[in-house]
């Protein structure tokens, strides 16, 4: 039995498309029944149009972003990884001149 037929793949040459969850960002989106992974490009000046309550794991592949949780703003740089648990309201933004590429993983369904 070929187990690879159940693997969901996005190859490097695929285009980034407007992100369905982060208006104004672009992504490559992989999704299974319970798990979702996006490689998201947050352009310069990006700010989320909503407060998110869903938990995520983040890994900053390049550039940096800021996340606002309550009144606290934290900066995350290339190579940083972190997890925001479910039910913690947060807003992502990129006030920098360079775009940021971020891997975002979450459960859904």
N, C-alpha and C. Protein backbone atom coordinates (compact mmCIF):
# COMPACT_ATOMS: atom_id res chain seq x y z
N UNK A 1 0.84 -1.19 0.00
CA UNK A 1 0.00 0.00 0.00
C UNK A 1 0.87 1.24 0.00
N UNK A 2 0.56 2.16 -0.86
CA UNK A 2 1.34 3.40 -0.97
C UNK A 2 0.81 4.43 0.02
N UNK A 3 1.50 4.62 1.14
CA UNK A 3 1.07 5.56 2.17
C UNK A 3 1.21 7.01 1.73
N UNK A 4 2.05 7.28 0.73
CA UNK A 4 2.26 8.67 0.32
C UNK A 4 1.05 9.27 -0.36
N UNK A 5 0.08 8.47 -0.79
CA UNK A 5 -1.09 9.04 -1.46
C UNK A 5 -1.92 9.90 -0.52
N UNK A 6 -1.74 9.77 0.79
CA UNK A 6 -2.48 10.57 1.76
C UNK A 6 -1.73 11.83 2.19
N UNK A 7 -0.55 12.03 1.65
CA UNK A 7 0.26 13.20 2.02
C UNK A 7 -0.20 14.40 1.19
N UNK A 8 -0.38 15.53 1.84
CA UNK A 8 -0.77 16.77 1.16
C UNK A 8 0.50 17.58 0.96
N UNK A 9 0.76 17.98 -0.28
CA UNK A 9 2.05 18.56 -0.63
C UNK A 9 1.88 19.93 -1.28
N UNK A 10 2.77 20.85 -0.94
CA UNK A 10 2.90 22.11 -1.65
C UNK A 10 4.38 22.24 -2.01
N UNK A 11 4.66 22.27 -3.29
CA UNK A 11 6.05 22.38 -3.76
C UNK A 11 6.49 23.83 -3.83
N UNK A 12 7.79 24.04 -3.80
CA UNK A 12 8.40 25.36 -3.76
C UNK A 12 7.98 26.25 -4.93
N UNK A 13 7.66 25.68 -6.07
CA UNK A 13 7.34 26.50 -7.24
C UNK A 13 5.87 26.93 -7.29
N UNK A 14 5.06 26.55 -6.30
CA UNK A 14 3.67 26.97 -6.27
C UNK A 14 3.56 28.45 -5.91
N UNK A 15 2.55 29.09 -6.46
CA UNK A 15 2.34 30.51 -6.23
C UNK A 15 1.72 30.77 -4.86
N UNK A 16 2.04 31.92 -4.31
CA UNK A 16 1.36 32.40 -3.11
C UNK A 16 0.07 33.06 -3.57
N UNK A 17 -1.02 32.80 -2.87
CA UNK A 17 -2.33 33.35 -3.20
C UNK A 17 -2.82 34.20 -2.05
N UNK A 18 -3.80 35.07 -2.28
CA UNK A 18 -4.35 35.83 -1.15
C UNK A 18 -4.77 34.88 -0.03
N UNK A 19 -4.35 35.18 1.18
CA UNK A 19 -4.61 34.30 2.31
C UNK A 19 -6.07 34.41 2.76
N UNK A 20 -6.73 33.28 2.90
CA UNK A 20 -8.15 33.26 3.27
C UNK A 20 -8.38 33.66 4.72
N UNK A 21 -7.38 33.54 5.58
CA UNK A 21 -7.55 33.85 7.00
C UNK A 21 -6.94 35.19 7.40
N UNK A 22 -6.02 35.71 6.61
CA UNK A 22 -5.32 36.95 6.94
C UNK A 22 -5.42 37.90 5.76
N UNK A 23 -6.50 38.67 5.70
CA UNK A 23 -6.74 39.58 4.59
C UNK A 23 -5.57 40.54 4.43
N UNK A 24 -5.02 40.61 3.21
CA UNK A 24 -3.88 41.48 2.92
C UNK A 24 -2.57 40.74 2.88
N UNK A 25 -2.55 39.49 3.35
CA UNK A 25 -1.35 38.65 3.30
C UNK A 25 -1.52 37.65 2.16
N UNK A 26 -0.43 36.98 1.81
CA UNK A 26 -0.47 35.93 0.80
C UNK A 26 0.06 34.65 1.43
N UNK A 27 -0.39 33.48 0.92
CA UNK A 27 0.06 32.24 1.54
C UNK A 27 0.02 31.07 0.57
N UNK A 28 0.69 30.04 0.98
CA UNK A 28 0.53 28.70 0.42
C UNK A 28 -0.08 27.89 1.55
N UNK A 29 -1.20 27.25 1.31
CA UNK A 29 -2.07 26.69 2.34
C UNK A 29 -2.16 25.19 2.16
N UNK A 30 -1.84 24.43 3.20
CA UNK A 30 -2.00 22.98 3.22
C UNK A 30 -2.98 22.63 4.32
N UNK A 31 -3.95 21.76 4.01
CA UNK A 31 -4.96 21.47 5.01
C UNK A 31 -5.39 20.02 4.91
N UNK A 32 -5.45 19.36 6.07
CA UNK A 32 -6.00 18.01 6.16
C UNK A 32 -7.29 18.10 6.98
N UNK A 33 -7.82 16.96 7.37
CA UNK A 33 -9.06 16.95 8.14
C UNK A 33 -8.96 17.75 9.44
N UNK A 34 -7.83 17.66 10.15
CA UNK A 34 -7.69 18.29 11.47
C UNK A 34 -6.57 19.31 11.58
N UNK A 35 -5.68 19.34 10.62
CA UNK A 35 -4.47 20.15 10.76
C UNK A 35 -4.31 21.06 9.55
N UNK A 36 -3.83 22.26 9.82
CA UNK A 36 -3.63 23.23 8.74
C UNK A 36 -2.25 23.87 8.91
N UNK A 37 -1.54 24.03 7.80
CA UNK A 37 -0.25 24.73 7.80
C UNK A 37 -0.26 25.74 6.67
N UNK A 38 0.16 26.95 7.00
CA UNK A 38 0.28 27.98 5.99
C UNK A 38 1.68 28.56 6.03
N UNK A 39 2.23 28.85 4.88
CA UNK A 39 3.42 29.67 4.77
C UNK A 39 2.87 31.02 4.35
N UNK A 40 2.93 31.98 5.28
CA UNK A 40 2.27 33.28 5.07
C UNK A 40 3.32 34.35 4.84
N UNK A 41 3.08 35.20 3.84
CA UNK A 41 3.92 36.37 3.61
C UNK A 41 3.12 37.59 4.06
N UNK A 42 3.62 38.24 5.11
CA UNK A 42 3.01 39.46 5.61
C UNK A 42 3.76 40.63 4.99
N UNK A 43 3.12 41.41 4.12
CA UNK A 43 3.82 42.51 3.46
C UNK A 43 4.13 43.65 4.42
N UNK A 44 4.99 44.54 4.00
CA UNK A 44 5.29 45.74 4.78
C UNK A 44 3.99 46.48 5.07
N UNK A 45 3.81 46.89 6.32
CA UNK A 45 2.63 47.64 6.71
C UNK A 45 1.40 46.80 7.01
N UNK A 46 1.54 45.48 6.95
CA UNK A 46 0.40 44.60 7.21
C UNK A 46 -0.10 44.75 8.65
N UNK A 47 -1.42 44.79 8.81
CA UNK A 47 -2.03 44.67 10.13
C UNK A 47 -3.31 43.87 9.97
N UNK A 48 -3.48 42.84 10.80
CA UNK A 48 -4.66 41.99 10.73
C UNK A 48 -5.92 42.83 10.84
N UNK A 49 -6.94 42.42 10.13
CA UNK A 49 -8.22 43.15 10.16
C UNK A 49 -9.16 42.62 11.23
N UNK A 50 -8.65 41.73 12.09
CA UNK A 50 -9.49 41.14 13.14
C UNK A 50 -8.62 40.67 14.30
N UNK A 51 -9.24 40.49 15.45
CA UNK A 51 -8.58 39.87 16.59
C UNK A 51 -8.86 38.38 16.48
N UNK A 52 -7.81 37.56 16.55
CA UNK A 52 -7.95 36.11 16.41
C UNK A 52 -7.95 35.46 17.79
N UNK A 53 -8.83 34.47 17.97
CA UNK A 53 -8.93 33.74 19.23
C UNK A 53 -8.47 32.29 19.09
N UNK A 54 -8.11 31.88 17.88
CA UNK A 54 -7.68 30.51 17.64
C UNK A 54 -6.19 30.39 17.95
N UNK A 55 -5.79 29.28 18.56
CA UNK A 55 -4.38 29.05 18.85
C UNK A 55 -3.59 28.73 17.59
N UNK A 56 -2.33 29.12 17.60
CA UNK A 56 -1.44 28.87 16.47
C UNK A 56 -0.04 28.58 16.98
N UNK A 57 0.71 27.83 16.18
CA UNK A 57 2.16 27.74 16.35
C UNK A 57 2.75 28.57 15.22
N UNK A 58 3.72 29.42 15.55
CA UNK A 58 4.36 30.29 14.58
C UNK A 58 5.85 29.98 14.50
N UNK A 59 6.42 30.06 13.31
CA UNK A 59 7.87 30.03 13.12
C UNK A 59 8.20 31.13 12.12
N UNK A 60 9.08 32.05 12.50
CA UNK A 60 9.44 33.16 11.62
C UNK A 60 10.57 32.70 10.70
N UNK A 61 10.25 32.51 9.43
CA UNK A 61 11.23 32.04 8.45
C UNK A 61 12.15 33.17 7.99
N UNK A 62 11.57 34.36 7.79
CA UNK A 62 12.39 35.52 7.42
C UNK A 62 11.67 36.79 7.84
N UNK A 63 12.43 37.84 8.06
CA UNK A 63 11.87 39.11 8.50
C UNK A 63 11.47 39.06 9.95
N UNK A 64 10.54 39.93 10.34
CA UNK A 64 10.01 39.90 11.69
C UNK A 64 8.60 40.47 11.71
N UNK A 65 7.85 40.08 12.73
CA UNK A 65 6.48 40.55 12.92
C UNK A 65 6.31 40.97 14.37
N UNK A 66 5.22 41.63 14.62
CA UNK A 66 4.84 41.96 15.99
C UNK A 66 3.47 41.36 16.24
N UNK A 67 3.25 40.98 17.50
CA UNK A 67 1.97 40.42 17.92
C UNK A 67 1.51 41.19 19.14
N UNK A 68 0.25 41.62 19.10
CA UNK A 68 -0.34 42.31 20.25
C UNK A 68 -1.26 41.35 20.96
N UNK A 69 -0.98 41.12 22.24
CA UNK A 69 -1.83 40.31 23.11
C UNK A 69 -2.21 41.22 24.28
N UNK A 70 -3.50 41.56 24.37
CA UNK A 70 -3.92 42.54 25.37
C UNK A 70 -3.27 43.87 25.03
N UNK A 71 -2.59 44.46 25.99
CA UNK A 71 -1.89 45.72 25.74
C UNK A 71 -0.40 45.51 25.45
N UNK A 72 0.06 44.26 25.52
CA UNK A 72 1.48 43.95 25.32
C UNK A 72 1.77 43.66 23.86
N UNK A 73 2.84 44.25 23.35
CA UNK A 73 3.29 44.01 21.98
C UNK A 73 4.66 43.35 22.05
N UNK A 74 4.79 42.20 21.39
CA UNK A 74 6.07 41.49 21.35
C UNK A 74 6.56 41.44 19.91
N UNK A 75 7.87 41.48 19.76
CA UNK A 75 8.49 41.40 18.43
C UNK A 75 9.11 40.02 18.28
N UNK A 76 8.90 39.43 17.10
CA UNK A 76 9.42 38.10 16.80
C UNK A 76 10.26 38.18 15.55
N UNK A 77 11.48 37.63 15.62
CA UNK A 77 12.46 37.76 14.55
C UNK A 77 12.74 36.43 13.88
N UNK A 78 13.40 36.51 12.74
CA UNK A 78 13.79 35.32 11.98
C UNK A 78 14.39 34.26 12.90
N UNK A 79 13.86 33.04 12.80
CA UNK A 79 14.34 31.93 13.63
C UNK A 79 13.56 31.73 14.91
N UNK A 80 12.72 32.71 15.29
CA UNK A 80 11.91 32.56 16.50
C UNK A 80 10.71 31.66 16.22
N UNK A 81 10.33 30.89 17.21
CA UNK A 81 9.13 30.08 17.16
C UNK A 81 8.37 30.25 18.45
N UNK A 82 7.04 30.21 18.39
CA UNK A 82 6.24 30.36 19.59
C UNK A 82 4.85 29.81 19.35
N UNK A 83 4.12 29.54 20.42
CA UNK A 83 2.76 29.03 20.35
C UNK A 83 1.86 29.97 21.14
N UNK A 84 0.76 30.36 20.52
CA UNK A 84 -0.29 31.11 21.21
C UNK A 84 -1.44 30.12 21.42
N UNK A 85 -1.83 29.85 22.68
CA UNK A 85 -2.91 28.89 22.94
C UNK A 85 -4.27 29.40 22.46
N UNK A 86 -5.22 28.48 22.31
CA UNK A 86 -6.59 28.86 22.00
C UNK A 86 -7.12 29.84 23.05
N UNK A 87 -8.04 30.67 22.63
CA UNK A 87 -8.75 31.62 23.49
C UNK A 87 -7.89 32.78 23.98
N UNK A 88 -6.69 32.96 23.42
CA UNK A 88 -5.86 34.12 23.75
C UNK A 88 -5.99 35.10 22.58
N UNK A 89 -6.71 36.19 22.74
CA UNK A 89 -6.90 37.13 21.63
C UNK A 89 -5.58 37.77 21.22
N UNK A 90 -5.33 37.82 19.91
CA UNK A 90 -4.07 38.38 19.42
C UNK A 90 -4.26 39.00 18.04
N UNK A 91 -3.38 39.94 17.74
CA UNK A 91 -3.37 40.63 16.45
C UNK A 91 -1.95 40.61 15.92
N UNK A 92 -1.80 40.24 14.65
CA UNK A 92 -0.49 40.18 13.99
C UNK A 92 -0.32 41.44 13.15
N UNK A 93 0.89 42.02 13.18
CA UNK A 93 1.17 43.12 12.26
C UNK A 93 2.65 43.17 11.91
N UNK A 94 2.93 43.81 10.78
CA UNK A 94 4.29 43.95 10.28
C UNK A 94 4.52 45.43 9.95
N UNK A 95 5.07 46.21 10.90
CA UNK A 95 5.30 47.63 10.66
C UNK A 95 6.61 47.91 9.93
N UNK A 96 7.31 46.87 9.51
CA UNK A 96 8.64 47.01 8.94
C UNK A 96 8.59 47.28 7.43
N UNK A 97 9.72 47.69 6.88
CA UNK A 97 9.80 47.94 5.43
C UNK A 97 9.94 46.65 4.64
N UNK A 98 10.38 45.57 5.27
CA UNK A 98 10.55 44.29 4.59
C UNK A 98 9.36 43.38 4.89
N UNK A 99 9.03 42.53 3.93
CA UNK A 99 8.00 41.53 4.19
C UNK A 99 8.53 40.49 5.16
N UNK A 100 7.62 39.77 5.78
CA UNK A 100 7.98 38.68 6.70
C UNK A 100 7.33 37.40 6.19
N UNK A 101 8.09 36.31 6.22
CA UNK A 101 7.55 35.00 5.83
C UNK A 101 7.46 34.16 7.10
N UNK A 102 6.24 33.67 7.41
CA UNK A 102 5.96 33.01 8.67
C UNK A 102 5.23 31.69 8.40
N UNK A 103 5.67 30.63 9.07
CA UNK A 103 4.97 29.35 9.01
C UNK A 103 3.99 29.32 10.18
N UNK A 104 2.71 29.08 9.86
CA UNK A 104 1.65 29.10 10.86
C UNK A 104 0.95 27.73 10.82
N UNK A 105 0.86 27.07 11.98
CA UNK A 105 0.22 25.76 12.08
C UNK A 105 -0.88 25.83 13.14
N UNK A 106 -2.04 25.25 12.82
CA UNK A 106 -3.12 25.19 13.79
C UNK A 106 -4.00 23.98 13.52
N UNK A 107 -4.83 23.66 14.50
CA UNK A 107 -5.83 22.61 14.37
C UNK A 107 -7.15 23.26 14.00
N UNK A 108 -7.96 22.55 13.30
CA UNK A 108 -9.29 23.06 12.96
C UNK A 108 -10.23 21.86 12.79
N UNK A 109 -11.48 22.16 12.59
CA UNK A 109 -12.42 21.09 12.32
C UNK A 109 -13.31 20.77 13.48
